[in-house]
Amino acid sequence: MADQENTIILTDEEGHEHEFIVVDILNLEDDEYAILLPPENAGGNDEAIVLKIGLDEDGNEILYEIDDEEEWRRVARAWEDAVAEEDGEE
């Protein structure tokens, strides 16, 4: 079972809750991105979900999809580089 502080519950558009493990937080330039995996895929790097971390109008942290294609590519490259570095250290 995952640690409580490394687990997050997200609600989809239909109101269904889904549990994810926070695998990593990437800091790129002035933005932060959460790398999430469903618990059943926690051992692998496939099917990772990447969401941008922002603040709502009340100052609370929220996660939202990356709409800009160039931003998405930049984050995906950074995640791939981080995974490659980690695999090289093992």
Protein backbone atom coordinates (compact mmCIF):
# COMPACT_ATOMS: atom_id res chain seq x y z
CA MET A 1 0.00 0.00 0.00
CA ALA A 2 1.29 3.48 -0.85
CA ASP A 3 2.16 6.05 1.76
CA GLN A 4 -0.75 8.41 2.41
CA GLU A 5 1.34 11.51 1.62
CA ASN A 6 2.40 10.06 -1.76
CA THR A 7 -1.14 9.21 -2.82
CA ILE A 8 -3.64 11.56 -4.40
CA ILE A 9 -7.29 11.13 -5.36
CA LEU A 10 -8.47 12.85 -8.54
CA THR A 11 -12.08 13.17 -9.66
CA ASP A 12 -12.80 12.87 -13.39
CA GLU A 13 -15.44 14.76 -15.39
CA GLU A 14 -18.03 12.08 -14.59
CA GLY A 15 -17.45 12.36 -10.84
CA HIS A 16 -15.51 9.09 -10.49
CA GLU A 17 -12.56 9.11 -8.09
CA HIS A 18 -9.21 7.65 -9.14
CA GLU A 19 -6.20 7.03 -6.92
CA PHE A 20 -2.71 7.93 -8.14
CA ILE A 21 0.76 7.74 -6.67
CA VAL A 22 2.81 10.93 -6.92
CA VAL A 23 6.01 9.58 -8.46
CA ASP A 24 7.85 12.87 -8.78
CA ILE A 25 7.50 16.63 -8.89
CA LEU A 26 9.39 18.29 -11.75
CA ASN A 27 10.51 21.90 -11.47
CA LEU A 28 10.97 23.49 -14.89
CA GLU A 29 11.67 27.16 -15.16
CA ASP A 30 9.07 28.74 -12.84
CA ASP A 31 6.52 25.92 -13.06
CA GLU A 32 5.97 22.65 -11.21
CA TYR A 33 4.53 19.45 -12.64
CA ALA A 34 3.27 16.33 -10.85
CA ILE A 35 4.12 12.94 -12.35
CA LEU A 36 1.37 10.48 -11.39
CA LEU A 37 0.91 6.74 -11.86
CA PRO A 38 -2.04 4.51 -11.02
CA PRO A 39 -1.08 2.20 -8.11
CA GLU A 40 -1.13 -0.87 -10.36
CA ASN A 41 1.58 0.71 -12.58
CA ALA A 42 3.69 2.21 -9.78
CA GLY A 43 6.67 -0.01 -10.59
CA GLY A 44 6.92 1.14 -14.20
CA ASN A 45 7.22 4.39 -16.08
CA ASP A 46 4.50 3.60 -18.62
CA GLU A 47 1.21 5.44 -18.62
CA ALA A 48 2.40 8.28 -16.40
CA ILE A 49 0.05 11.22 -16.13
CA VAL A 50 1.64 14.66 -16.01
CA LEU A 51 -0.32 17.57 -14.56
CA LYS A 52 0.74 21.14 -13.97
CA ILE A 53 0.61 22.41 -10.41
CA GLY A 54 -1.00 25.82 -10.00
CA LEU A 55 -2.96 27.89 -7.53
CA ASP A 56 -6.67 28.63 -7.56
CA GLU A 57 -8.18 32.00 -6.68
CA ASP A 58 -8.02 31.12 -2.97
CA GLY A 59 -4.33 30.22 -3.10
CA ASN A 60 -4.92 26.46 -2.88
CA GLU A 61 -2.80 24.11 -4.99
CA ILE A 62 -4.61 22.57 -7.94
CA LEU A 63 -3.59 20.21 -10.72
CA TYR A 64 -4.58 20.81 -14.31
CA GLU A 65 -3.85 19.43 -17.76
CA ILE A 66 -1.14 20.90 -19.95
CA ASP A 67 -2.84 22.39 -23.01
CA ASP A 68 0.19 23.87 -24.77
CA GLU A 69 1.87 21.28 -27.02
CA GLU A 70 5.36 22.82 -26.73
CA GLU A 71 5.08 22.95 -22.94
CA TRP A 72 3.96 19.28 -22.95
CA ARG A 73 7.00 18.28 -25.06
CA ARG A 74 9.35 20.18 -22.75
CA VAL A 75 7.94 18.46 -19.66
CA ALA A 76 7.96 15.02 -21.33
CA ARG A 77 11.63 15.46 -22.29
CA ALA A 78 12.52 16.53 -18.74
CA TRP A 79 10.72 13.48 -17.31
CA GLU A 80 12.44 11.14 -19.80
CA ASP A 81 15.82 12.65 -18.87
CA ALA A 82 15.08 12.22 -15.15
CA VAL A 83 14.10 8.57 -15.66
CA ALA A 84 17.20 7.92 -17.78
CA GLU A 85 19.45 9.46 -15.10
CA GLU A 86 17.77 7.38 -12.40
CA ASP A 87 18.13 4.19 -14.45
CA GLY A 88 21.81 4.98 -15.00
CA GLU A 89 22.44 5.32 -11.26
CA GLU A 90 21.04 1.86 -10.39
